C-alpha atoms as a PDB file:
ATOM      1  CA  UNK A   1       0.000   0.000   0.000  1.00  0.00           C
ATOM      2  CA  UNK A   2       1.404   3.464  -0.943  1.00  0.00           C
ATOM      3  CA  UNK A   3       0.720   6.049   1.690  1.00  0.00           C
ATOM      4  CA  UNK A   4       0.902   9.829   1.664  1.00  0.00           C
ATOM      5  CA  UNK A   5       3.422  11.681   3.934  1.00  0.00           C
ATOM      6  CA  UNK A   6       2.537  14.328   6.403  1.00  0.00           C
ATOM      7  CA  UNK A   7       5.799  15.486   7.935  1.00  0.00           C
ATOM      8  CA  UNK A   8       5.827  16.956  11.344  1.00  0.00           C
ATOM      9  CA  UNK A   9       9.102  18.075  12.725  1.00  0.00           C
ATOM     10  CA  UNK A  10      10.835  16.340  15.552  1.00  0.00           C
ATOM     11  CA  UNK A  11      13.715  16.309  18.257  1.00  0.00           C
ATOM     12  CA  UNK A  12      17.267  15.009  19.062  1.00  0.00           C
ATOM     13  CA  UNK A  13      17.468  12.156  21.628  1.00  0.00           C
ATOM     14  CA  UNK A  14      21.282  12.168  21.846  1.00  0.00           C
ATOM     15  CA  UNK A  15      21.637  15.968  22.123  1.00  0.00           C
ATOM     16  CA  UNK A  16      23.494  16.059  18.793  1.00  0.00           C
ATOM     17  CA  UNK A  17      25.077  19.089  17.160  1.00  0.00           C
ATOM     18  CA  UNK A  18      24.531  21.483  20.039  1.00  0.00           C
ATOM     19  CA  UNK A  19      20.766  21.417  19.985  1.00  0.00           C
ATOM     20  CA  UNK A  20      18.982  21.890  23.294  1.00  0.00           C
ATOM     21  CA  UNK A  21      18.189  18.782  25.357  1.00  0.00           C
ATOM     22  CA  UNK A  22      15.606  19.215  28.059  1.00  0.00           C
ATOM     23  CA  UNK A  23      13.720  17.060  30.439  1.00  0.00           C
ATOM     24  CA  UNK A  24      10.052  16.452  30.028  1.00  0.00           C
ATOM     25  CA  UNK A  25       6.948  16.842  32.130  1.00  0.00           C
ATOM     26  CA  UNK A  26       5.437  13.869  33.828  1.00  0.00           C
ATOM     27  CA  UNK A  27       4.188  11.375  31.269  1.00  0.00           C
ATOM     28  CA  UNK A  28       0.481  10.834  30.944  1.00  0.00           C
ATOM     29  CA  UNK A  29      -0.187   7.538  32.659  1.00  0.00           C
ATOM     30  CA  UNK A  30      -2.785   6.699  30.063  1.00  0.00           C
ATOM     31  CA  UNK A  31       0.019   6.500  27.482  1.00  0.00           C
ATOM     32  CA  UNK A  32       2.547   4.520  29.489  1.00  0.00           C
ATOM     33  CA  UNK A  33       1.563   1.397  31.393  1.00  0.00           C
ATOM     34  CA  UNK A  34       3.589   1.191  34.636  1.00  0.00           C
ATOM     35  CA  UNK A  35       2.186  -2.112  35.808  1.00  0.00           C
ATOM     36  CA  UNK A  36       4.256  -5.275  36.006  1.00  0.00           C
ATOM     37  CA  UNK A  37       2.333  -6.956  33.215  1.00  0.00           C
ATOM     38  CA  UNK A  38       4.808  -9.294  31.560  1.00  0.00           C
ATOM     39  CA  UNK A  39       3.734  -7.945  28.189  1.00  0.00           C
ATOM     40  CA  UNK A  40       5.423  -4.645  29.092  1.00  0.00           C
ATOM     41  CA  UNK A  41       8.879  -6.218  29.377  1.00  0.00           C
ATOM     42  CA  UNK A  42       8.761  -9.214  27.117  1.00  0.00           C
ATOM     43  CA  UNK A  43      10.779  -9.087  23.901  1.00  0.00           C
ATOM     44  CA  UNK A  44       8.235 -10.946  21.808  1.00  0.00           C
ATOM     45  CA  UNK A  45       4.709  -9.558  21.867  1.00  0.00           C
ATOM     46  CA  UNK A  46       1.850 -11.848  22.783  1.00  0.00           C
ATOM     47  CA  UNK A  47       0.181 -12.677  19.463  1.00  0.00           C
ATOM     48  CA  UNK A  48      -3.097 -11.492  20.984  1.00  0.00           C
ATOM     49  CA  UNK A  49      -1.602  -7.994  21.028  1.00  0.00           C
ATOM     50  CA  UNK A  50      -0.888  -7.884  17.295  1.00  0.00           C
ATOM     51  CA  UNK A  51      -3.537 -10.196  15.881  1.00  0.00           C
ATOM     52  CA  UNK A  52      -4.588  -8.892  12.477  1.00  0.00           C
ATOM     53  CA  UNK A  53      -7.392 -11.398  11.926  1.00  0.00           C
ATOM     54  CA  UNK A  54     -10.976 -10.321  11.598  1.00  0.00           C
ATOM     55  CA  UNK A  55     -11.768 -11.221  15.204  1.00  0.00           C
ATOM     56  CA  UNK A  56     -14.225  -8.500  16.185  1.00  0.00           C
ATOM     57  CA  UNK A  57     -12.599  -8.194  19.620  1.00  0.00           C
ATOM     58  CA  UNK A  58      -9.589  -6.635  17.882  1.00  0.00           C
ATOM     59  CA  UNK A  59     -11.484  -3.943  16.034  1.00  0.00           C
ATOM     60  CA  UNK A  60     -14.700  -3.483  17.996  1.00  0.00           C
ATOM     61  CA  UNK A  61     -15.244   0.198  18.798  1.00  0.00           C
ATOM     62  CA  UNK A  62     -18.261  -0.284  21.071  1.00  0.00           C
ATOM     63  CA  UNK A  63     -18.152   0.432  24.775  1.00  0.00           C
ATOM     64  CA  UNK A  64     -17.896  -3.226  25.722  1.00  0.00           C
ATOM     65  CA  UNK A  65     -15.736  -3.354  28.870  1.00  0.00           C
ATOM     66  CA  UNK A  66     -13.533  -5.987  27.284  1.00  0.00           C
ATOM     67  CA  UNK A  67     -12.443  -3.396  24.722  1.00  0.00           C
ATOM     68  CA  UNK A  68     -11.297  -0.801  27.227  1.00  0.00           C
ATOM     69  CA  UNK A  69      -9.992  -2.893  30.116  1.00  0.00           C
ATOM     70  CA  UNK A  70      -7.558  -5.208  28.315  1.00  0.00           C
ATOM     71  CA  UNK A  71      -4.089  -4.214  29.616  1.00  0.00           C
ATOM     72  CA  UNK A  72      -2.347  -5.974  26.752  1.00  0.00           C
ATOM     73  CA  UNK A  73      -4.004  -3.694  24.207  1.00  0.00           C
ATOM     74  CA  UNK A  74      -2.796  -0.605  26.059  1.00  0.00           C
ATOM     75  CA  UNK A  75       0.725  -2.000  26.031  1.00  0.00           C
ATOM     76  CA  UNK A  76       0.753  -2.394  22.271  1.00  0.00           C
ATOM     77  CA  UNK A  77      -0.517   1.009  21.210  1.00  0.00           C
ATOM     78  CA  UNK A  78      -1.923   4.234  22.501  1.00  0.00           C
ATOM     79  CA  UNK A  79      -4.366   4.795  19.675  1.00  0.00           C
ATOM     80  CA  UNK A  80      -5.541   8.206  20.786  1.00  0.00           C
ATOM     81  CA  UNK A  81      -7.558   8.637  17.600  1.00  0.00           C
ATOM     82  CA  UNK A  82      -9.261   5.271  18.189  1.00  0.00           C
ATOM     83  CA  UNK A  83      -8.310   3.685  14.871  1.00  0.00           C
ATOM     84  CA  UNK A  84      -5.712   1.079  13.919  1.00  0.00           C
ATOM     85  CA  UNK A  85      -4.522   1.311  10.315  1.00  0.00           C
ATOM     86  CA  UNK A  86      -4.145  -1.818   8.193  1.00  0.00           C
ATOM     87  CA  UNK A  87      -0.565  -2.502   7.092  1.00  0.00           C
ATOM     88  CA  UNK A  88       1.504  -5.406   5.694  1.00  0.00           C
ATOM     89  CA  UNK A  89       3.752  -5.753   8.779  1.00  0.00           C
ATOM     90  CA  UNK A  90       1.147  -6.294  11.475  1.00  0.00           C
ATOM     91  CA  UNK A  91       2.078  -3.076  13.304  1.00  0.00           C
ATOM     92  CA  UNK A  92      -0.539  -1.404  15.536  1.00  0.00           C
ATOM     93  CA  UNK A  93      -0.392   1.733  13.371  1.00  0.00           C
ATOM     94  CA  UNK A  94      -2.647   4.442  14.755  1.00  0.00           C
ATOM     95  CA  UNK A  95      -4.137   7.500  13.134  1.00  0.00           C
ATOM     96  CA  UNK A  96      -2.150  10.340  14.784  1.00  0.00           C
ATOM     97  CA  UNK A  97      -4.139  12.516  17.173  1.00  0.00           C
ATOM     98  CA  UNK A  98      -3.798  16.232  17.799  1.00  0.00           C
ATOM     99  CA  UNK A  99      -2.631  17.540  21.180  1.00  0.00           C
ATOM    100  CA  UNK A 100      -3.013  20.986  22.759  1.00  0.00           C
ATOM    101  CA  UNK A 101       0.088  21.686  24.879  1.00  0.00           C
ATOM    102  CA  UNK A 102       0.423  24.527  27.350  1.00  0.00           C
ATOM    103  CA  UNK A 103       3.718  26.431  27.132  1.00  0.00           C
ATOM    104  CA  UNK A 104       5.285  28.172  30.134  1.00  0.00           C
ATOM    105  CA  UNK A 105       6.576  31.152  28.204  1.00  0.00           C
ATOM    106  CA  UNK A 106       5.910  34.877  27.877  1.00  0.00           C
ATOM    107  CA  UNK A 107       6.159  34.447  24.095  1.00  0.00           C
ATOM    108  CA  UNK A 108       3.865  31.461  23.556  1.00  0.00           C
ATOM    109  CA  UNK A 109       0.854  30.273  25.543  1.00  0.00           C
ATOM    110  CA  UNK A 110       0.179  26.976  23.820  1.00  0.00           C
ATOM    111  CA  UNK A 111       1.169  24.677  20.973  1.00  0.00           C
ATOM    112  CA  UNK A 112      -1.031  22.381  18.887  1.00  0.00           C
ATOM    113  CA  UNK A 113       0.766  19.410  17.395  1.00  0.00           C
ATOM    114  CA  UNK A 114       0.171  15.842  16.238  1.00  0.00           C
ATOM    115  CA  UNK A 115       1.583  12.558  17.436  1.00  0.00           C
ATOM    116  CA  UNK A 116       4.829  11.929  15.567  1.00  0.00           C
ATOM    117  CA  UNK A 117       4.853   8.309  14.386  1.00  0.00           C
ATOM    118  CA  UNK A 118       7.391   6.783  11.993  1.00  0.00           C
ATOM    119  CA  UNK A 119       7.681   3.815   9.650  1.00  0.00           C
ATOM    120  CA  UNK A 120      11.317   3.017   8.836  1.00  0.00           C
ATOM    121  CA  UNK A 121      13.524   0.364   7.315  1.00  0.00           C
ATOM    122  CA  UNK A 122      16.021  -1.567   9.439  1.00  0.00           C
ATOM    123  CA  UNK A 123      19.194  -3.274   8.242  1.00  0.00           C
ATOM    124  CA  UNK A 124      22.168  -4.158  10.434  1.00  0.00           C
ATOM    125  CA  UNK A 125      24.452  -7.116  11.036  1.00  0.00           C
ATOM    126  CA  UNK A 126      22.537  -9.363   8.640  1.00  0.00           C
ATOM    127  CA  UNK A 127      19.108  -8.537  10.076  1.00  0.00           C
ATOM    128  CA  UNK A 128      16.607  -6.699   7.876  1.00  0.00           C
ATOM    129  CA  UNK A 129      13.076  -5.568   8.566  1.00  0.00           C
ATOM    130  CA  UNK A 130      10.948  -2.555   9.408  1.00  0.00           C
ATOM    131  CA  UNK A 131      10.283  -0.566  12.548  1.00  0.00           C
ATOM    132  CA  UNK A 132       7.274   1.443  13.614  1.00  0.00           C
ATOM    133  CA  UNK A 133       7.411   3.984  16.443  1.00  0.00           C
ATOM    134  CA  UNK A 134       4.778   6.059  18.205  1.00  0.00           C
ATOM    135  CA  UNK A 135       5.711   9.303  19.954  1.00  0.00           C
ATOM    136  CA  UNK A 136       3.108  11.327  21.813  1.00  0.00           C
ATOM    137  CA  UNK A 137       3.858  14.973  22.698  1.00  0.00           C
ATOM    138  CA  UNK A 138       3.288  15.664  26.384  1.00  0.00           C
ATOM    139  CA  UNK A 139       4.909  19.071  26.969  1.00  0.00           C
ATOM    140  CA  UNK A 140       5.983  22.264  25.232  1.00  0.00           C
ATOM    141  CA  UNK A 141       9.430  23.838  25.316  1.00  0.00           C
ATOM    142  CA  UNK A 142       9.991  27.388  24.103  1.00  0.00           C
ATOM    143  CA  UNK A 143      13.393  28.709  23.061  1.00  0.00           C
ATOM    144  CA  UNK A 144      13.164  30.811  19.908  1.00  0.00           C
ATOM    145  CA  UNK A 145       9.976  28.966  19.007  1.00  0.00           C
ATOM    146  CA  UNK A 146       7.697  26.359  20.501  1.00  0.00           C
ATOM    147  CA  UNK A 147       8.874  22.749  20.333  1.00  0.00           C
ATOM    148  CA  UNK A 148       7.045  19.600  21.437  1.00  0.00           C
ATOM    149  CA  UNK A 149       8.608  17.224  23.948  1.00  0.00           C
ATOM    150  CA  UNK A 150       7.638  13.578  23.564  1.00  0.00           C
ATOM    151  CA  UNK A 151       7.138  11.925  26.944  1.00  0.00           C
ATOM    152  CA  UNK A 152       5.416   8.789  25.689  1.00  0.00           C
ATOM    153  CA  UNK A 153       7.146   6.549  23.132  1.00  0.00           C
ATOM    154  CA  UNK A 154       6.716   2.970  21.898  1.00  0.00           C
ATOM    155  CA  UNK A 155       8.132   0.928  19.013  1.00  0.00           C
ATOM    156  CA  UNK A 156       8.111  -2.445  17.260  1.00  0.00           C
ATOM    157  CA  UNK A 157      10.369  -4.400  14.881  1.00  0.00           C
ATOM    158  CA  UNK A 158       8.960  -6.610  12.119  1.00  0.00           C
ATOM    159  CA  UNK A 159      11.088  -9.217  10.318  1.00  0.00           C
ATOM    160  CA  UNK A 160       9.915 -11.604   7.632  1.00  0.00           C
ATOM    161  CA  UNK A 161       8.735 -14.884   9.128  1.00  0.00           C
ATOM    162  CA  UNK A 162       9.368 -13.751  12.727  1.00  0.00           C
ATOM    163  CA  UNK A 163       6.999 -12.599  15.471  1.00  0.00           C
ATOM    164  CA  UNK A 164       6.629  -8.874  16.005  1.00  0.00           C
ATOM    165  CA  UNK A 165       9.092  -7.652  18.633  1.00  0.00           C
ATOM    166  CA  UNK A 166       8.621  -4.714  21.020  1.00  0.00           C
ATOM    167  CA  UNK A 167      11.520  -2.260  21.075  1.00  0.00           C
ATOM    168  CA  UNK A 168      12.748  -0.683  24.296  1.00  0.00           C
ATOM    169  CA  UNK A 169      14.115   2.756  25.240  1.00  0.00           C
ATOM    170  CA  UNK A 170      12.285   4.383  22.325  1.00  0.00           C
ATOM    171  CA  UNK A 171      12.703   8.172  22.165  1.00  0.00           C
ATOM    172  CA  UNK A 172      11.994  10.767  19.521  1.00  0.00           C
ATOM    173  CA  UNK A 173      13.726  14.146  19.836  1.00  0.00           C
ATOM    174  CA  UNK A 174      12.607  17.245  17.947  1.00  0.00           C
ATOM    175  CA  UNK A 175      16.173  18.440  17.504  1.00  0.00           C
ATOM    176  CA  UNK A 176      16.237  21.956  18.893  1.00  0.00           C
ATOM    177  CA  UNK A 177      15.529  25.146  16.989  1.00  0.00           C
ATOM    178  CA  UNK A 178      17.025  23.754  13.772  1.00  0.00           C
ATOM    179  CA  UNK A 179      14.801  20.667  14.022  1.00  0.00           C
ATOM    180  CA  UNK A 180      17.655  18.235  13.355  1.00  0.00           C
ATOM    181  CA  UNK A 181      15.607  15.409  14.793  1.00  0.00           C
ATOM    182  CA  UNK A 182      16.581  11.886  15.818  1.00  0.00           C
ATOM    183  CA  UNK A 183      14.948   8.579  16.735  1.00  0.00           C
ATOM    184  CA  UNK A 184      16.521   6.074  19.134  1.00  0.00           C
ATOM    185  CA  UNK A 185      15.593   2.596  20.359  1.00  0.00           C
ATOM    186  CA  UNK A 186      17.184  -0.525  21.805  1.00  0.00           C
ATOM    187  CA  UNK A 187      16.948  -4.118  20.645  1.00  0.00           C
ATOM    188  CA  UNK A 188      18.985  -7.291  21.055  1.00  0.00           C
ATOM    189  CA  UNK A 189      21.640  -5.679  23.273  1.00  0.00           C
ATOM    190  CA  UNK A 190      22.251  -2.735  20.951  1.00  0.00           C
ATOM    191  CA  UNK A 191      21.164   0.903  20.993  1.00  0.00           C
ATOM    192  CA  UNK A 192      20.271   2.350  17.588  1.00  0.00           C
ATOM    193  CA  UNK A 193      20.066   6.008  16.674  1.00  0.00           C
ATOM    194  CA  UNK A 194      18.483   7.168  13.415  1.00  0.00           C
ATOM    195  CA  UNK A 195      19.933  10.533  12.435  1.00  0.00           C
ATOM    196  CA  UNK A 196      21.130  12.624   9.463  1.00  0.00           C
ATOM    197  CA  UNK A 197      24.205  12.069   7.307  1.00  0.00           C
ATOM    198  CA  UNK A 198      23.805  15.432   5.563  1.00  0.00           C
ATOM    199  CA  UNK A 199      23.194  18.870   7.100  1.00  0.00           C
ATOM    200  CA  UNK A 200      22.779  21.922   4.907  1.00  0.00           C
ATOM    201  CA  UNK A 201      22.762  25.713   5.123  1.00  0.00           C
ATOM    202  CA  UNK A 202      22.450  27.122   8.630  1.00  0.00           C
ATOM    203  CA  UNK A 203      23.184  23.690  10.096  1.00  0.00           C
ATOM    204  CA  UNK A 204      19.712  22.456   9.214  1.00  0.00           C
ATOM    205  CA  UNK A 205      18.477  19.123   7.881  1.00  0.00           C
ATOM    206  CA  UNK A 206      16.793  18.981   4.480  1.00  0.00           C
ATOM    207  CA  UNK A 207      15.090  15.572   4.732  1.00  0.00           C
ATOM    208  CA  UNK A 208      13.973  12.892   7.184  1.00  0.00           C
ATOM    209  CA  UNK A 209      16.493  10.814   9.122  1.00  0.00           C
ATOM    210  CA  UNK A 210      18.510   8.739   6.670  1.00  0.00           C
ATOM    211  CA  UNK A 211      21.197   6.782   8.528  1.00  0.00           C
ATOM    212  CA  UNK A 212      21.935   4.670  11.595  1.00  0.00           C
ATOM    213  CA  UNK A 213      24.431   4.803  14.462  1.00  0.00           C
ATOM    214  CA  UNK A 214      24.935   1.689  16.601  1.00  0.00           C
ATOM    215  CA  UNK A 215      26.119   1.547  20.205  1.00  0.00           C
ATOM    216  CA  UNK A 216      26.684  -1.218  22.723  1.00  0.00           C
ATOM    217  CA  UNK A 217      24.533  -1.405  25.836  1.00  0.00           C
ATOM    218  CA  UNK A 218      27.195   0.543  27.764  1.00  0.00           C
ATOM    219  CA  UNK A 219      27.079   3.374  25.230  1.00  0.00           C
ATOM    220  CA  UNK A 220      30.262   2.480  23.349  1.00  0.00           C
ATOM    221  CA  UNK A 221      29.980   3.420  19.676  1.00  0.00           C
ATOM    222  CA  UNK A 222      30.178   0.282  17.554  1.00  0.00           C
ATOM    223  CA  UNK A 223      29.468   1.696  14.120  1.00  0.00           C
ATOM    224  CA  UNK A 224      28.730   5.211  12.885  1.00  0.00           C
ATOM    225  CA  UNK A 225      26.746   4.968   9.671  1.00  0.00           C
ATOM    226  CA  UNK A 226      25.950   8.694   9.647  1.00  0.00           C
ATOM    227  CA  UNK A 227      29.296   9.940   8.373  1.00  0.00           C
ATOM    228  CA  UNK A 228      29.325  11.614   4.935  1.00  0.00           C
ATOM    229  CA  UNK A 229      29.772   8.128   3.441  1.00  0.00           C
ATOM    230  CA  UNK A 230      26.361   7.097   4.871  1.00  0.00           C
ATOM    231  CA  UNK A 231      27.509   3.517   5.431  1.00  0.00           C
ATOM    232  CA  UNK A 232      24.311   2.434   7.239  1.00  0.00           C
ATOM    233  CA  UNK A 233      21.445   3.926   5.202  1.00  0.00           C
ATOM    234  CA  UNK A 234      17.814   3.747   6.320  1.00  0.00           C
ATOM    235  CA  UNK A 235      14.538   5.232   5.087  1.00  0.00           C
ATOM    236  CA  UNK A 236      11.846   6.750   7.332  1.00  0.00           C
ATOM    237  CA  UNK A 237       8.409   8.087   6.490  1.00  0.00           C
ATOM    238  CA  UNK A 238       6.098   9.852   8.932  1.00  0.00           C
ATOM    239  CA  UNK A 239       2.534   8.630   9.383  1.00  0.00           C
ATOM    240  CA  UNK A 240       0.289  11.471   8.242  1.00  0.00           C
ATOM    241  CA  UNK A 241      -2.807  12.781  10.009  1.00  0.00           C
ATOM    242  CA  UNK A 242      -5.040  10.574   7.839  1.00  0.00           C
ATOM    243  CA  UNK A 243      -3.067   7.439   8.739  1.00  0.00           C
ATOM    244  CA  UNK A 244      -1.205   7.164   5.429  1.00  0.00           C
ATOM    245  CA  UNK A 245       2.496   7.331   4.589  1.00  0.00           C
ATOM    246  CA  UNK A 246       4.753   7.679   1.583  1.00  0.00           C
ATOM    247  CA  UNK A 247       6.481   4.686   0.061  1.00  0.00           C
ATOM    248  CA  UNK A 248       9.640   3.535   1.828  1.00  0.00           C
ATOM    249  CA  UNK A 249      11.910   4.203  -1.130  1.00  0.00           C
ATOM    250  CA  UNK A 250      15.380   5.701  -0.672  1.00  0.00           C
ATOM    251  CA  UNK A 251      15.433   9.115  -2.374  1.00  0.00           C
ATOM    252  CA  UNK A 252      18.361  10.526  -0.378  1.00  0.00           C
ATOM    253  CA  UNK A 253      20.322  13.488  -1.722  1.00  0.00           C
ATOM    254  CA  UNK A 254      22.910  15.614   0.043  1.00  0.00           C
ATOM    255  CA  UNK A 255      21.548  18.882   1.401  1.00  0.00           C
ATOM    256  CA  UNK A 256      22.295  22.155  -0.399  1.00  0.00           C
ATOM    257  CA  UNK A 257      25.124  23.825   1.478  1.00  0.00           C
ATOM    258  CA  UNK A 258      26.438  20.564   2.981  1.00  0.00           C
ATOM    259  CA  UNK A 259      30.189  21.206   3.452  1.00  0.00           C
ATOM    260  CA  UNK A 260      30.849  17.493   2.805  1.00  0.00           C
ATOM    261  CA  UNK A 261      29.240  17.519  -0.633  1.00  0.00           C
ATOM    262  CA  UNK A 262      31.640  16.635  -3.446  1.00  0.00           C
END
């Protein structure tokens, strides 16, 4: 299925390139389950969480208590807009919802912004697949302009012929005033950071994240695929407000003004 892109800017998780890194407000407990349900910490998701069959219990939108009290469903996705989008990977893709954030600033009272959810490719150390992440804005930060802070994040990895796997330590960072955003997550003893291999005029990105950096669990850099050579390329597309996304085809080009351009 070919989906249309609706890009909403985002923020650095690793405080790259001098962009501001701030803490966030308390996360909405409706977005993050803090119980000790094994489904919160297990690597492989219970198939009942990702079942894409036509079982009406998966898609029923009535007020049946079984639809709103199942803790496993809340672990898989915070579908604020109440709709799960069909997709070939079995991800719990939601239709992004809009959020009204209050800003503690003399220059800006509030900020309206959407959930920032991504579909991306994954390829490292012989493993290929796709990832899907959900990031819900929970606070507003104002420097030169208003920026959302994402206090609720989730993610999944899909590989051909394998069960869907829940990612850990998922964070999306807007990337400061220049919006040089980044996406990070952990899986299989590695920490992955999706970032930019090309930065253009004014030290600003010109496209979505396009490369991968890999670190060990202790933070040691194993492989930097975001050098000008772009040795670990990836493709990411944002889920638009209508629940669609553009095709995951690599159309990377170096940014105008990139000092590393040939």
